Amino acid sequence: MYLNAGGVTVSYFEWLKNLSHVRYGRMEKKFTENLNSHILGQIEELSGKKVSDTERSFILHGPDEVDLVHSGLEETMIAATREIMEIWKNNPEIPDMRTAAYVSAINKVAISYSELGIFP
């Protein structure tokens, strides 16, 4: 169930991208590259040492769409894991992480229903 959530999460990212008609990274790639270039220049100036071409290329590279999707997926999955672990550890009646994941999901649905006024 948890592993399938990764695929669903990436599909959600794709859906958001399609709704906005803007590809990921379009608004920040150049900014990140310029900022990294400035920081790298300062480090080289202050240290008096040059960074290798391979490292320079890696540092100056702004995020591509796939980089941003991987980053977003990683953050989402880490947050989900922490939430499931917290529910499992804080409730001795929950026997395993699978049950904790169900509790987490049901709680989210209940909160959404409550906020929408669907459920008392």
PDB file of N, CA and C in Angstrom:
ATOM      1  N   MET A   1       0.835  -1.185   0.000  1.00  0.00           N
ATOM      2  CA  MET A   1       0.000   0.000   0.000  1.00  0.00           C
ATOM      3  C   MET A   1       0.886   1.258   0.000  1.00  0.00           C
ATOM      4  N   TYR A   2       1.885   1.248   0.860  1.00  0.00           N
ATOM      5  CA  TYR A   2       2.780   2.409   0.964  1.00  0.00           C
ATOM      6  C   TYR A   2       3.556   2.616  -0.330  1.00  0.00           C
ATOM      7  N   LEU A   3       4.082   1.530  -0.885  1.00  0.00           N
ATOM      8  CA  LEU A   3       4.866   1.652  -2.109  1.00  0.00           C
ATOM      9  C   LEU A   3       4.005   2.124  -3.271  1.00  0.00           C
ATOM     10  N   ASN A   4       2.780   1.674  -3.336  1.00  0.00           N
ATOM     11  CA  ASN A   4       1.873   2.119  -4.384  1.00  0.00           C
ATOM     12  C   ASN A   4       1.608   3.617  -4.264  1.00  0.00           C
ATOM     13  N   ALA A   5       1.685   4.135  -3.054  1.00  0.00           N
ATOM     14  CA  ALA A   5       1.448   5.559  -2.835  1.00  0.00           C
ATOM     15  C   ALA A   5       2.468   6.419  -3.583  1.00  0.00           C
ATOM     16  N   GLY A   6       3.682   5.903  -3.764  1.00  0.00           N
ATOM     17  CA  GLY A   6       4.695   6.646  -4.513  1.00  0.00           C
ATOM     18  C   GLY A   6       4.253   6.890  -5.947  1.00  0.00           C
ATOM     19  N   GLY A   7       3.725   5.854  -6.585  1.00  0.00           N
ATOM     20  CA  GLY A   7       3.233   6.003  -7.959  1.00  0.00           C
ATOM     21  C   GLY A   7       2.045   6.940  -8.029  1.00  0.00           C
ATOM     22  N   VAL A   8       1.166   6.842  -7.061  1.00  0.00           N
ATOM     23  CA  VAL A   8      -0.001   7.721  -7.015  1.00  0.00           C
ATOM     24  C   VAL A   8       0.441   9.166  -6.797  1.00  0.00           C
ATOM     25  N   THR A   9       1.441   9.359  -5.965  1.00  0.00           N
ATOM     26  CA  THR A   9       1.954  10.699  -5.698  1.00  0.00           C
ATOM     27  C   THR A   9       2.532  11.339  -6.955  1.00  0.00           C
ATOM     28  N   VAL A  10       3.311  10.576  -7.699  1.00  0.00           N
ATOM     29  CA  VAL A  10       3.887  11.108  -8.941  1.00  0.00           C
ATOM     30  C   VAL A  10       2.780  11.403  -9.951  1.00  0.00           C
ATOM     31  N   SER A  11       1.761  10.569 -10.006  1.00  0.00           N
ATOM     32  CA  SER A  11       0.619  10.843 -10.887  1.00  0.00           C
ATOM     33  C   SER A  11      -0.078  12.132 -10.482  1.00  0.00           C
ATOM     34  N   TYR A  12      -0.172  12.374  -9.183  1.00  0.00           N
ATOM     35  CA  TYR A  12      -0.760  13.616  -8.682  1.00  0.00           C
ATOM     36  C   TYR A  12       0.075  14.818  -9.118  1.00  0.00           C
ATOM     37  N   PHE A  13       1.391  14.703  -9.021  1.00  0.00           N
ATOM     38  CA  PHE A  13       2.263  15.788  -9.486  1.00  0.00           C
ATOM     39  C   PHE A  13       2.021  16.076 -10.960  1.00  0.00           C
ATOM     40  N   GLU A  14       1.893  15.029 -11.754  1.00  0.00           N
ATOM     41  CA  GLU A  14       1.649  15.179 -13.189  1.00  0.00           C
ATOM     42  C   GLU A  14       0.306  15.870 -13.434  1.00  0.00           C
ATOM     43  N   TRP A  15      -0.700  15.502 -12.667  1.00  0.00           N
ATOM     44  CA  TRP A  15      -2.020  16.126 -12.779  1.00  0.00           C
ATOM     45  C   TRP A  15      -1.935  17.623 -12.455  1.00  0.00           C
ATOM     46  N   LEU A  16      -1.210  17.960 -11.378  1.00  0.00           N
ATOM     47  CA  LEU A  16      -1.043  19.378 -11.025  1.00  0.00           C
ATOM     48  C   LEU A  16      -0.341  20.146 -12.134  1.00  0.00           C
ATOM     49  N   LYS A  17       0.683  19.539 -12.713  1.00  0.00           N
ATOM     50  CA  LYS A  17       1.421  20.172 -13.805  1.00  0.00           C
ATOM     51  C   LYS A  17       0.494  20.422 -14.989  1.00  0.00           C
ATOM     52  N   ASN A  18      -0.337  19.448 -15.306  1.00  0.00           N
ATOM     53  CA  ASN A  18      -1.257  19.598 -16.428  1.00  0.00           C
ATOM     54  C   ASN A  18      -2.304  20.680 -16.165  1.00  0.00           C
ATOM     55  N   LEU A  19      -2.730  20.803 -14.928  1.00  0.00           N
ATOM     56  CA  LEU A  19      -3.709  21.841 -14.590  1.00  0.00           C
ATOM     57  C   LEU A  19      -3.117  23.238 -14.766  1.00  0.00           C
ATOM     58  N   SER A  20      -1.859  23.389 -14.394  1.00  0.00           N
ATOM     59  CA  SER A  20      -1.233  24.715 -14.431  1.00  0.00           C
ATOM     60  C   SER A  20      -0.647  25.048 -15.798  1.00  0.00           C
ATOM     61  N   HIS A  21      -0.464  24.047 -16.644  1.00  0.00           N
ATOM     62  CA  HIS A  21       0.131  24.237 -17.979  1.00  0.00           C
ATOM     63  C   HIS A  21       1.532  24.841 -17.900  1.00  0.00           C
ATOM     64  N   VAL A  22       2.222  24.586 -16.789  1.00  0.00           N
ATOM     65  CA  VAL A  22       3.593  25.065 -16.609  1.00  0.00           C
ATOM     66  C   VAL A  22       4.434  23.878 -16.149  1.00  0.00           C
ATOM     67  N   ARG A  23       5.536  23.624 -16.845  1.00  0.00           N
ATOM     68  CA  ARG A  23       6.377  22.499 -16.452  1.00  0.00           C
ATOM     69  C   ARG A  23       7.126  22.838 -15.168  1.00  0.00           C
ATOM     70  N   TYR A  24       7.420  21.794 -14.399  1.00  0.00           N
ATOM     71  CA  TYR A  24       8.158  21.985 -13.154  1.00  0.00           C
ATOM     72  C   TYR A  24       9.542  22.560 -13.446  1.00  0.00           C
ATOM     73  N   GLY A  25       9.982  23.433 -12.604  1.00  0.00           N
ATOM     74  CA  GLY A  25      11.320  23.985 -12.713  1.00  0.00           C
ATOM     75  C   GLY A  25      11.421  25.205 -13.599  1.00  0.00           C
ATOM     76  N   ARG A  26      10.404  25.488 -14.366  1.00  0.00           N
ATOM     77  CA  ARG A  26      10.476  26.604 -15.312  1.00  0.00           C
ATOM     78  C   ARG A  26      10.752  27.923 -14.608  1.00  0.00           C
ATOM     79  N   MET A  27      10.175  28.082 -13.446  1.00  0.00           N
ATOM     80  CA  MET A  27      10.285  29.360 -12.757  1.00  0.00           C
ATOM     81  C   MET A  27      11.485  29.441 -11.829  1.00  0.00           C
ATOM     82  N   GLU A  28      12.169  28.332 -11.589  1.00  0.00           N
ATOM     83  CA  GLU A  28      13.273  28.404 -10.638  1.00  0.00           C
ATOM     84  C   GLU A  28      14.610  27.914 -11.173  1.00  0.00           C
ATOM     85  N   LYS A  29      14.634  27.229 -12.296  1.00  0.00           N
ATOM     86  CA  LYS A  29      15.873  26.636 -12.800  1.00  0.00           C
ATOM     87  C   LYS A  29      16.965  27.686 -12.988  1.00  0.00           C
ATOM     88  N   LYS A  30      16.682  28.740 -13.719  1.00  0.00           N
ATOM     89  CA  LYS A  30      17.695  29.770 -14.006  1.00  0.00           C
ATOM     90  C   LYS A  30      18.102  30.500 -12.728  1.00  0.00           C
ATOM     91  N   PHE A  31      17.135  30.762 -11.858  1.00  0.00           N
ATOM     92  CA  PHE A  31      17.436  31.421 -10.591  1.00  0.00           C
ATOM     93  C   PHE A  31      18.422  30.576  -9.783  1.00  0.00           C
ATOM     94  N   THR A  32      18.160  29.270  -9.699  1.00  0.00           N
ATOM     95  CA  THR A  32      19.035  28.371  -8.952  1.00  0.00           C
ATOM     96  C   THR A  32      20.420  28.316  -9.576  1.00  0.00           C
ATOM     97  N   GLU A  33      20.483  28.235 -10.896  1.00  0.00           N
ATOM     98  CA  GLU A  33      21.781  28.202 -11.576  1.00  0.00           C
ATOM     99  C   GLU A  33      22.571  29.484 -11.302  1.00  0.00           C
ATOM    100  N   ASN A  34      21.927  30.643 -11.371  1.00  0.00           N
ATOM    101  CA  ASN A  34      22.611  31.916 -11.111  1.00  0.00           C
ATOM    102  C   ASN A  34      23.072  32.014  -9.657  1.00  0.00           C
ATOM    103  N   LEU A  35      22.234  31.604  -8.740  1.00  0.00           N
ATOM    104  CA  LEU A  35      22.591  31.642  -7.318  1.00  0.00           C
ATOM    105  C   LEU A  35      23.773  30.717  -7.045  1.00  0.00           C
ATOM    106  N   ASN A  36      23.720  29.499  -7.587  1.00  0.00           N
ATOM    107  CA  ASN A  36      24.814  28.545  -7.385  1.00  0.00           C
ATOM    108  C   ASN A  36      26.114  29.064  -8.004  1.00  0.00           C
ATOM    109  N   SER A  37      26.010  29.714  -9.149  1.00  0.00           N
ATOM    110  CA  SER A  37      27.189  30.281  -9.798  1.00  0.00           C
ATOM    111  C   SER A  37      27.824  31.363  -8.920  1.00  0.00           C
ATOM    112  N   HIS A  38      26.983  32.198  -8.346  1.00  0.00           N
ATOM    113  CA  HIS A  38      27.483  33.264  -7.466  1.00  0.00           C
ATOM    114  C   HIS A  38      28.155  32.671  -6.220  1.00  0.00           C
ATOM    115  N   ILE A  39      27.502  31.697  -5.598  1.00  0.00           N
ATOM    116  CA  ILE A  39      28.066  31.066  -4.401  1.00  0.00           C
ATOM    117  C   ILE A  39      29.389  30.380  -4.726  1.00  0.00           C
ATOM    118  N   LEU A  40      29.423  29.653  -5.843  1.00  0.00           N
ATOM    119  CA  LEU A  40      30.648  28.972  -6.252  1.00  0.00           C
ATOM    120  C   LEU A  40      31.777  29.967  -6.511  1.00  0.00           C
ATOM    121  N   GLY A  41      31.453  31.071  -7.175  1.00  0.00           N
ATOM    122  CA  GLY A  41      32.454  32.107  -7.425  1.00  0.00           C
ATOM    123  C   GLY A  41      33.023  32.672  -6.132  1.00  0.00           C
ATOM    124  N   GLN A  42      32.155  32.892  -5.155  1.00  0.00           N
ATOM    125  CA  GLN A  42      32.605  33.412  -3.862  1.00  0.00           C
ATOM    126  C   GLN A  42      33.494  32.408  -3.136  1.00  0.00           C
ATOM    127  N   ILE A  43      33.115  31.143  -3.177  1.00  0.00           N
ATOM    128  CA  ILE A  43      33.922  30.101  -2.526  1.00  0.00           C
ATOM    129  C   ILE A  43      35.301  30.036  -3.168  1.00  0.00           C
ATOM    130  N   GLU A  44      35.343  30.061  -4.495  1.00  0.00           N
ATOM    131  CA  GLU A  44      36.630  29.994  -5.195  1.00  0.00           C
ATOM    132  C   GLU A  44      37.476  31.231  -4.894  1.00  0.00           C
ATOM    133  N   GLU A  45      36.833  32.387  -4.853  1.00  0.00           N
ATOM    134  CA  GLU A  45      37.578  33.626  -4.572  1.00  0.00           C
ATOM    135  C   GLU A  45      38.135  33.618  -3.152  1.00  0.00           C
ATOM    136  N   LEU A  46      37.328  33.227  -2.201  1.00  0.00           N
ATOM    137  CA  LEU A  46      37.756  33.243  -0.806  1.00  0.00           C
ATOM    138  C   LEU A  46      38.781  32.149  -0.488  1.00  0.00           C
ATOM    139  N   SER A  47      38.651  31.005  -1.139  1.00  0.00           N
ATOM    140  CA  SER A  47      39.572  29.907  -0.854  1.00  0.00           C
ATOM    141  C   SER A  47      40.827  29.952  -1.722  1.00  0.00           C
ATOM    142  N   GLY A  48      40.725  30.654  -2.850  1.00  0.00           N
ATOM    143  CA  GLY A  48      41.853  30.699  -3.772  1.00  0.00           C
ATOM    144  C   GLY A  48      42.043  29.409  -4.545  1.00  0.00           C
ATOM    145  N   LYS A  49      41.048  28.542  -4.520  1.00  0.00           N
ATOM    146  CA  LYS A  49      41.129  27.257  -5.223  1.00  0.00           C
ATOM    147  C   LYS A  49      39.989  27.160  -6.227  1.00  0.00           C
ATOM    148  N   LYS A  50      40.267  26.490  -7.343  1.00  0.00           N
ATOM    149  CA  LYS A  50      39.259  26.281  -8.376  1.00  0.00           C
ATOM    150  C   LYS A  50      38.603  24.914  -8.176  1.00  0.00           C
ATOM    151  N   VAL A  51      37.317  24.853  -8.480  1.00  0.00           N
ATOM    152  CA  VAL A  51      36.564  23.605  -8.418  1.00  0.00           C
ATOM    153  C   VAL A  51      36.746  22.882  -9.750  1.00  0.00           C
ATOM    154  N   SER A  52      36.829  21.549  -9.712  1.00  0.00           N
ATOM    155  CA  SER A  52      37.001  20.774 -10.950  1.00  0.00           C
ATOM    156  C   SER A  52      35.802  20.986 -11.881  1.00  0.00           C
ATOM    157  N   ASP A  53      36.028  20.746 -13.162  1.00  0.00           N
ATOM    158  CA  ASP A  53      34.967  20.930 -14.152  1.00  0.00           C
ATOM    159  C   ASP A  53      33.767  20.035 -13.871  1.00  0.00           C
ATOM    160  N   THR A  54      34.029  18.814 -13.424  1.00  0.00           N
ATOM    161  CA  THR A  54      32.937  17.882 -13.114  1.00  0.00           C
ATOM    162  C   THR A  54      32.091  18.410 -11.961  1.00  0.00           C
ATOM    163  N   GLU A  55      32.759  18.836 -10.898  1.00  0.00           N
ATOM    164  CA  GLU A  55      32.041  19.380  -9.743  1.00  0.00           C
ATOM    165  C   GLU A  55      31.345  20.694 -10.099  1.00  0.00           C
ATOM    166  N   ARG A  56      32.000  21.536 -10.884  1.00  0.00           N
ATOM    167  CA  ARG A  56      31.403  22.805 -11.314  1.00  0.00           C
ATOM    168  C   ARG A  56      30.101  22.550 -12.062  1.00  0.00           C
ATOM    169  N   SER A  57      30.130  21.597 -12.977  1.00  0.00           N
ATOM    170  CA  SER A  57      28.945  21.260 -13.760  1.00  0.00           C
ATOM    171  C   SER A  57      27.818  20.771 -12.851  1.00  0.00           C
ATOM    172  N   PHE A  58      28.149  19.929 -11.872  1.00  0.00           N
ATOM    173  CA  PHE A  58      27.154  19.404 -10.948  1.00  0.00           C
ATOM    174  C   PHE A  58      26.556  20.522 -10.094  1.00  0.00           C
ATOM    175  N   ILE A  59      27.410  21.397  -9.566  1.00  0.00           N
ATOM    176  CA  ILE A  59      26.960  22.471  -8.678  1.00  0.00           C
ATOM    177  C   ILE A  59      26.113  23.498  -9.432  1.00  0.00           C
ATOM    178  N   LEU A  60      26.496  23.830 -10.647  1.00  0.00           N
ATOM    179  CA  LEU A  60      25.798  24.871 -11.399  1.00  0.00           C
ATOM    180  C   LEU A  60      24.502  24.394 -12.028  1.00  0.00           C
ATOM    181  N   HIS A  61      24.317  23.090 -12.111  1.00  0.00           N
ATOM    182  CA  HIS A  61      23.123  22.529 -12.741  1.00  0.00           C
ATOM    183  C   HIS A  61      21.879  22.855 -11.927  1.00  0.00           C
ATOM    184  N   GLY A  62      20.953  23.590 -12.527  1.00  0.00           N
ATOM    185  CA  GLY A  62      19.669  23.849 -11.884  1.00  0.00           C
ATOM    186  C   GLY A  62      18.790  22.614 -11.999  1.00  0.00           C
ATOM    187  N   PRO A  63      17.767  22.527 -11.197  1.00  0.00           N
ATOM    188  CA  PRO A  63      16.947  21.323 -11.179  1.00  0.00           C
ATOM    189  C   PRO A  63      16.131  21.156 -12.460  1.00  0.00           C
ATOM    190  N   ASP A  64      16.165  19.947 -13.001  1.00  0.00           N
ATOM    191  CA  ASP A  64      15.300  19.586 -14.116  1.00  0.00           C
ATOM    192  C   ASP A  64      13.970  19.109 -13.544  1.00  0.00           C
ATOM    193  N   GLU A  65      13.017  18.887 -14.423  1.00  0.00           N
ATOM    194  CA  GLU A  65      11.710  18.430 -13.981  1.00  0.00           C
ATOM    195  C   GLU A  65      11.815  17.122 -13.194  1.00  0.00           C
ATOM    196  N   VAL A  66      12.615  16.197 -13.681  1.00  0.00           N
ATOM    197  CA  VAL A  66      12.736  14.905 -12.995  1.00  0.00           C
ATOM    198  C   VAL A  66      13.380  15.092 -11.620  1.00  0.00           C
ATOM    199  N   ASP A  67      14.313  16.019 -11.476  1.00  0.00           N
ATOM    200  CA  ASP A  67      14.928  16.296 -10.177  1.00  0.00           C
ATOM    201  C   ASP A  67      13.878  16.790  -9.179  1.00  0.00           C
ATOM    202  N   LEU A  68      13.013  17.678  -9.638  1.00  0.00           N
ATOM    203  CA  LEU A  68      11.978  18.232  -8.769  1.00  0.00           C
ATOM    204  C   LEU A  68      10.936  17.183  -8.398  1.00  0.00           C
ATOM    205  N   VAL A  69      10.576  16.322  -9.342  1.00  0.00           N
ATOM    206  CA  VAL A  69       9.620  15.253  -9.048  1.00  0.00           C
ATOM    207  C   VAL A  69      10.216  14.290  -8.022  1.00  0.00           C
ATOM    208  N   HIS A  70      11.481  13.901  -8.219  1.00  0.00           N
ATOM    209  CA  HIS A  70      12.131  13.004  -7.250  1.00  0.00           C
ATOM    210  C   HIS A  70      12.195  13.653  -5.868  1.00  0.00           C
ATOM    211  N   SER A  71      12.519  14.933  -5.833  1.00  0.00           N
ATOM    212  CA  SER A  71      12.599  15.649  -4.562  1.00  0.00           C
ATOM    213  C   SER A  71      11.235  15.713  -3.876  1.00  0.00           C
ATOM    214  N   GLY A  72      10.202  16.045  -4.646  1.00  0.00           N
ATOM    215  CA  GLY A  72       8.853  16.107  -4.089  1.00  0.00           C
ATOM    216  C   GLY A  72       8.371  14.752  -3.609  1.00  0.00           C
ATOM    217  N   LEU A  73       8.688  13.703  -4.384  1.00  0.00           N
ATOM    218  CA  LEU A  73       8.301  12.353  -3.994  1.00  0.00           C
ATOM    219  C   LEU A  73       9.018  11.943  -2.714  1.00  0.00           C
ATOM    220  N   GLU A  74      10.309  12.227  -2.647  1.00  0.00           N
ATOM    221  CA  GLU A  74      11.083  11.878  -1.447  1.00  0.00           C
ATOM    222  C   GLU A  74      10.507  12.567  -0.216  1.00  0.00           C
ATOM    223  N   GLU A  75      10.236  13.851  -0.328  1.00  0.00           N
ATOM    224  CA  GLU A  75       9.691  14.600   0.805  1.00  0.00           C
ATOM    225  C   GLU A  75       8.329  14.054   1.226  1.00  0.00           C
ATOM    226  N   THR A  76       7.468  13.754   0.262  1.00  0.00           N
ATOM    227  CA  THR A  76       6.138  13.235   0.552  1.00  0.00           C
ATOM    228  C   THR A  76       6.211  11.873   1.245  1.00  0.00           C
ATOM    229  N   MET A  77       7.069  10.998   0.747  1.00  0.00           N
ATOM    230  CA  MET A  77       7.175   9.653   1.312  1.00  0.00           C
ATOM    231  C   MET A  77       7.806   9.677   2.705  1.00  0.00           C
ATOM    232  N   ILE A  78       8.783  10.547   2.907  1.00  0.00           N
ATOM    233  CA  ILE A  78       9.391  10.671   4.243  1.00  0.00           C
ATOM    234  C   ILE A  78       8.361  11.176   5.239  1.00  0.00           C
ATOM    235  N   ALA A  79       7.587  12.196   4.859  1.00  0.00           N
ATOM    236  CA  ALA A  79       6.556  12.732   5.751  1.00  0.00           C
ATOM    237  C   ALA A  79       5.501  11.668   6.060  1.00  0.00           C
ATOM    238  N   ALA A  80       5.111  10.888   5.055  1.00  0.00           N
ATOM    239  CA  ALA A  80       4.123   9.827   5.267  1.00  0.00           C
ATOM    240  C   ALA A  80       4.667   8.751   6.209  1.00  0.00           C
ATOM    241  N   THR A  81       5.923   8.390   6.020  1.00  0.00           N
ATOM    242  CA  THR A  81       6.541   7.379   6.884  1.00  0.00           C
ATOM    243  C   THR A  81       6.576   7.863   8.329  1.00  0.00           C
ATOM    244  N   ARG A  82       6.956   9.094   8.520  1.00  0.00           N
ATOM    245  CA  ARG A  82       7.010   9.647   9.887  1.00  0.00           C
ATOM    246  C   ARG A  82       5.627   9.669  10.525  1.00  0.00           C
ATOM    247  N   GLU A  83       4.626  10.052   9.731  1.00  0.00           N
ATOM    248  CA  GLU A  83       3.260  10.098  10.255  1.00  0.00           C
ATOM    249  C   GLU A  83       2.778   8.694  10.647  1.00  0.00           C
ATOM    250  N   ILE A  84       3.013   7.723   9.794  1.00  0.00           N
ATOM    251  CA  ILE A  84       2.603   6.343  10.079  1.00  0.00           C
ATOM    252  C   ILE A  84       3.332   5.820  11.312  1.00  0.00           C
ATOM    253  N   MET A  85       4.634   6.057  11.391  1.00  0.00           N
ATOM    254  CA  MET A  85       5.420   5.598  12.546  1.00  0.00           C
ATOM    255  C   MET A  85       4.920   6.245  13.842  1.00  0.00           C
ATOM    256  N   GLU A  86       4.595   7.517  13.783  1.00  0.00           N
ATOM    257  CA  GLU A  86       4.110   8.218  14.979  1.00  0.00           C
ATOM    258  C   GLU A  86       2.784   7.630  15.452  1.00  0.00           C
ATOM    259  N   ILE A  87       1.876   7.386  14.510  1.00  0.00           N
ATOM    260  CA  ILE A  87       0.588   6.784  14.875  1.00  0.00           C
ATOM    261  C   ILE A  87       0.807   5.412  15.488  1.00  0.00           C
ATOM    262  N   TRP A  88       1.681   4.626  14.884  1.00  0.00           N
ATOM    263  CA  TRP A  88       1.951   3.266  15.362  1.00  0.00           C
ATOM    264  C   TRP A  88       2.575   3.288  16.762  1.00  0.00           C
ATOM    265  N   LYS A  89       3.562   4.157  16.966  1.00  0.00           N
ATOM    266  CA  LYS A  89       4.258   4.208  18.261  1.00  0.00           C
ATOM    267  C   LYS A  89       3.382   4.768  19.376  1.00  0.00           C
ATOM    268  N   ASN A  90       2.501   5.709  19.034  1.00  0.00           N
ATOM    269  CA  ASN A  90       1.702   6.384  20.063  1.00  0.00           C
ATOM    270  C   ASN A  90       0.423   5.663  20.426  1.00  0.00           C
ATOM    271  N   ASN A  91       0.107   4.578  19.740  1.00  0.00           N
ATOM    272  CA  ASN A  91      -1.114   3.853  20.056  1.00  0.00           C
ATOM    273  C   ASN A  91      -0.794   2.363  20.190  1.00  0.00           C
ATOM    274  N   PRO A  92      -0.703   1.857  21.411  1.00  0.00           N
ATOM    275  CA  PRO A  92      -0.337   0.454  21.612  1.00  0.00           C
ATOM    276  C   PRO A  92      -1.375  -0.527  21.059  1.00  0.00           C
ATOM    277  N   GLU A  93      -2.589  -0.063  20.788  1.00  0.00           N
ATOM    278  CA  GLU A  93      -3.621  -0.945  20.243  1.00  0.00           C
ATOM    279  C   GLU A  93      -3.425  -1.212  18.752  1.00  0.00           C
ATOM    280  N   ILE A  94      -2.587  -0.434  18.090  1.00  0.00           N
ATOM    281  CA  ILE A  94      -2.312  -0.632  16.668  1.00  0.00           C
ATOM    282  C   ILE A  94      -1.164  -1.631  16.557  1.00  0.00           C
ATOM    283  N   PRO A  95      -1.427  -2.804  15.955  1.00  0.00           N
ATOM    284  CA  PRO A  95      -0.434  -3.889  15.973  1.00  0.00           C
ATOM    285  C   PRO A  95       0.730  -3.735  15.005  1.00  0.00           C
ATOM    286  N   ASP A  96       0.524  -2.977  13.908  1.00  0.00           N
ATOM    287  CA  ASP A  96       1.586  -2.914  12.902  1.00  0.00           C
ATOM    288  C   ASP A  96       1.472  -1.629  12.074  1.00  0.00           C
ATOM    289  N   MET A  97       2.492  -1.430  11.241  1.00  0.00           N
ATOM    290  CA  MET A  97       2.523  -0.206  10.431  1.00  0.00           C
ATOM    291  C   MET A  97       1.406  -0.185   9.384  1.00  0.00           C
ATOM    292  N   ARG A  98       1.014  -1.349   8.903  1.00  0.00           N
ATOM    293  CA  ARG A  98      -0.064  -1.408   7.918  1.00  0.00           C
ATOM    294  C   ARG A  98      -1.357  -0.843   8.507  1.00  0.00           C
ATOM    295  N   THR A  99      -1.670  -1.268   9.698  1.00  0.00           N
ATOM    296  CA  THR A  99      -2.866  -0.761  10.376  1.00  0.00           C
ATOM    297  C   THR A  99      -2.722   0.728  10.654  1.00  0.00           C
ATOM    298  N   ALA A 100      -1.521   1.149  11.036  1.00  0.00           N
ATOM    299  CA  ALA A 100      -1.276   2.572  11.279  1.00  0.00           C
ATOM    300  C   ALA A 100      -1.498   3.385   9.999  1.00  0.00           C
ATOM    301  N   ALA A 101      -1.110   2.823   8.860  1.00  0.00           N
ATOM    302  CA  ALA A 101      -1.326   3.511   7.585  1.00  0.00           C
ATOM    303  C   ALA A 101      -2.819   3.649   7.300  1.00  0.00           C
ATOM    304  N   TYR A 102      -3.597   2.606   7.610  1.00  0.00           N
ATOM    305  CA  TYR A 102      -5.053   2.683   7.435  1.00  0.00           C
ATOM    306  C   TYR A 102      -5.646   3.750   8.346  1.00  0.00           C
ATOM    307  N   VAL A 103      -5.200   3.785   9.589  1.00  0.00           N
ATOM    308  CA  VAL A 103      -5.687   4.789  10.543  1.00  0.00           C
ATOM    309  C   VAL A 103      -5.389   6.189  10.017  1.00  0.00           C
ATOM    310  N   SER A 104      -4.178   6.393   9.520  1.00  0.00           N
ATOM    311  CA  SER A 104      -3.791   7.687   8.961  1.00  0.00           C
ATOM    312  C   SER A 104      -4.710   8.075   7.806  1.00  0.00           C
ATOM    313  N   ALA A 105      -4.944   7.135   6.900  1.00  0.00           N
ATOM    314  CA  ALA A 105      -5.795   7.412   5.733  1.00  0.00           C
ATOM    315  C   ALA A 105      -7.228   7.728   6.156  1.00  0.00           C
ATOM    316  N   ILE A 106      -7.762   6.938   7.074  1.00  0.00           N
ATOM    317  CA  ILE A 106      -9.140   7.154   7.523  1.00  0.00           C
ATOM    318  C   ILE A 106      -9.256   8.501   8.229  1.00  0.00           C
ATOM    319  N   ASN A 107      -8.260   8.856   9.031  1.00  0.00           N
ATOM    320  CA  ASN A 107      -8.270  10.162   9.703  1.00  0.00           C
ATOM    321  C   ASN A 107      -8.293  11.302   8.690  1.00  0.00           C
ATOM    322  N   LYS A 108      -7.518  11.174   7.616  1.00  0.00           N
ATOM    323  CA  LYS A 108      -7.479  12.227   6.593  1.00  0.00           C
ATOM    324  C   LYS A 108      -8.827  12.364   5.884  1.00  0.00           C
ATOM    325  N   VAL A 109      -9.458  11.247   5.594  1.00  0.00           N
ATOM    326  CA  VAL A 109     -10.782  11.293   4.966  1.00  0.00           C
ATOM    327  C   VAL A 109     -11.781  11.930   5.921  1.00  0.00           C
ATOM    328  N   ALA A 110     -11.740  11.543   7.204  1.00  0.00           N
ATOM    329  CA  ALA A 110     -12.663  12.095   8.194  1.00  0.00           C
ATOM    330  C   ALA A 110     -12.481  13.603   8.342  1.00  0.00           C
ATOM    331  N   ILE A 111     -11.238  14.059   8.368  1.00  0.00           N
ATOM    332  CA  ILE A 111     -10.968  15.501   8.479  1.00  0.00           C
ATOM    333  C   ILE A 111     -11.503  16.236   7.253  1.00  0.00           C
ATOM    334  N   SER A 112     -11.273  15.681   6.077  1.00  0.00           N
ATOM    335  CA  SER A 112     -11.776  16.312   4.845  1.00  0.00           C
ATOM    336  C   SER A 112     -13.299  16.391   4.858  1.00  0.00           C
ATOM    337  N   TYR A 113     -13.949  15.300   5.233  1.00  0.00           N
ATOM    338  CA  TYR A 113     -15.411  15.291   5.295  1.00  0.00           C
ATOM    339  C   TYR A 113     -15.913  16.323   6.298  1.00  0.00           C
ATOM    340  N   SER A 114     -15.261  16.380   7.438  1.00  0.00           N
ATOM    341  CA  SER A 114     -15.654  17.335   8.469  1.00  0.00           C
ATOM    342  C   SER A 114     -15.501  18.767   7.980  1.00  0.00           C
ATOM    343  N   GLU A 115     -14.370  19.074   7.340  1.00  0.00           N
ATOM    344  CA  GLU A 115     -14.130  20.426   6.830  1.00  0.00           C
ATOM    345  C   GLU A 115     -15.105  20.822   5.726  1.00  0.00           C
ATOM    346  N   LEU A 116     -15.544  19.827   4.948  1.00  0.00           N
ATOM    347  CA  LEU A 116     -16.499  20.089   3.875  1.00  0.00           C
ATOM    348  C   LEU A 116     -17.948  20.096   4.385  1.00  0.00           C
ATOM    349  N   GLY A 117     -18.155  19.740   5.644  1.00  0.00           N
ATOM    350  CA  GLY A 117     -19.496  19.710   6.212  1.00  0.00           C
ATOM    351  C   GLY A 117     -20.294  18.485   5.787  1.00  0.00           C
ATOM    352  N   ILE A 118     -19.608  17.471   5.286  1.00  0.00           N
ATOM    353  CA  ILE A 118     -20.286  16.250   4.828  1.00  0.00           C
ATOM    354  C   ILE A 118     -20.603  15.341   5.998  1.00  0.00           C
ATOM    355  N   PHE A 119     -19.746  15.354   6.984  1.00  0.00           N
ATOM    356  CA  PHE A 119     -19.874  14.460   8.126  1.00  0.00           C
ATOM    357  C   PHE A 119     -19.948  15.311   9.379  1.00  0.00           C
ATOM    358  N   PRO A 120     -20.845  14.917  10.313  1.00  0.00           N
ATOM    359  CA  PRO A 120     -21.014  15.754  11.520  1.00  0.00           C
ATOM    360  C   PRO A 120     -19.786  15.889  12.267  1.00  0.00           C
TER     361      PRO A 120
END
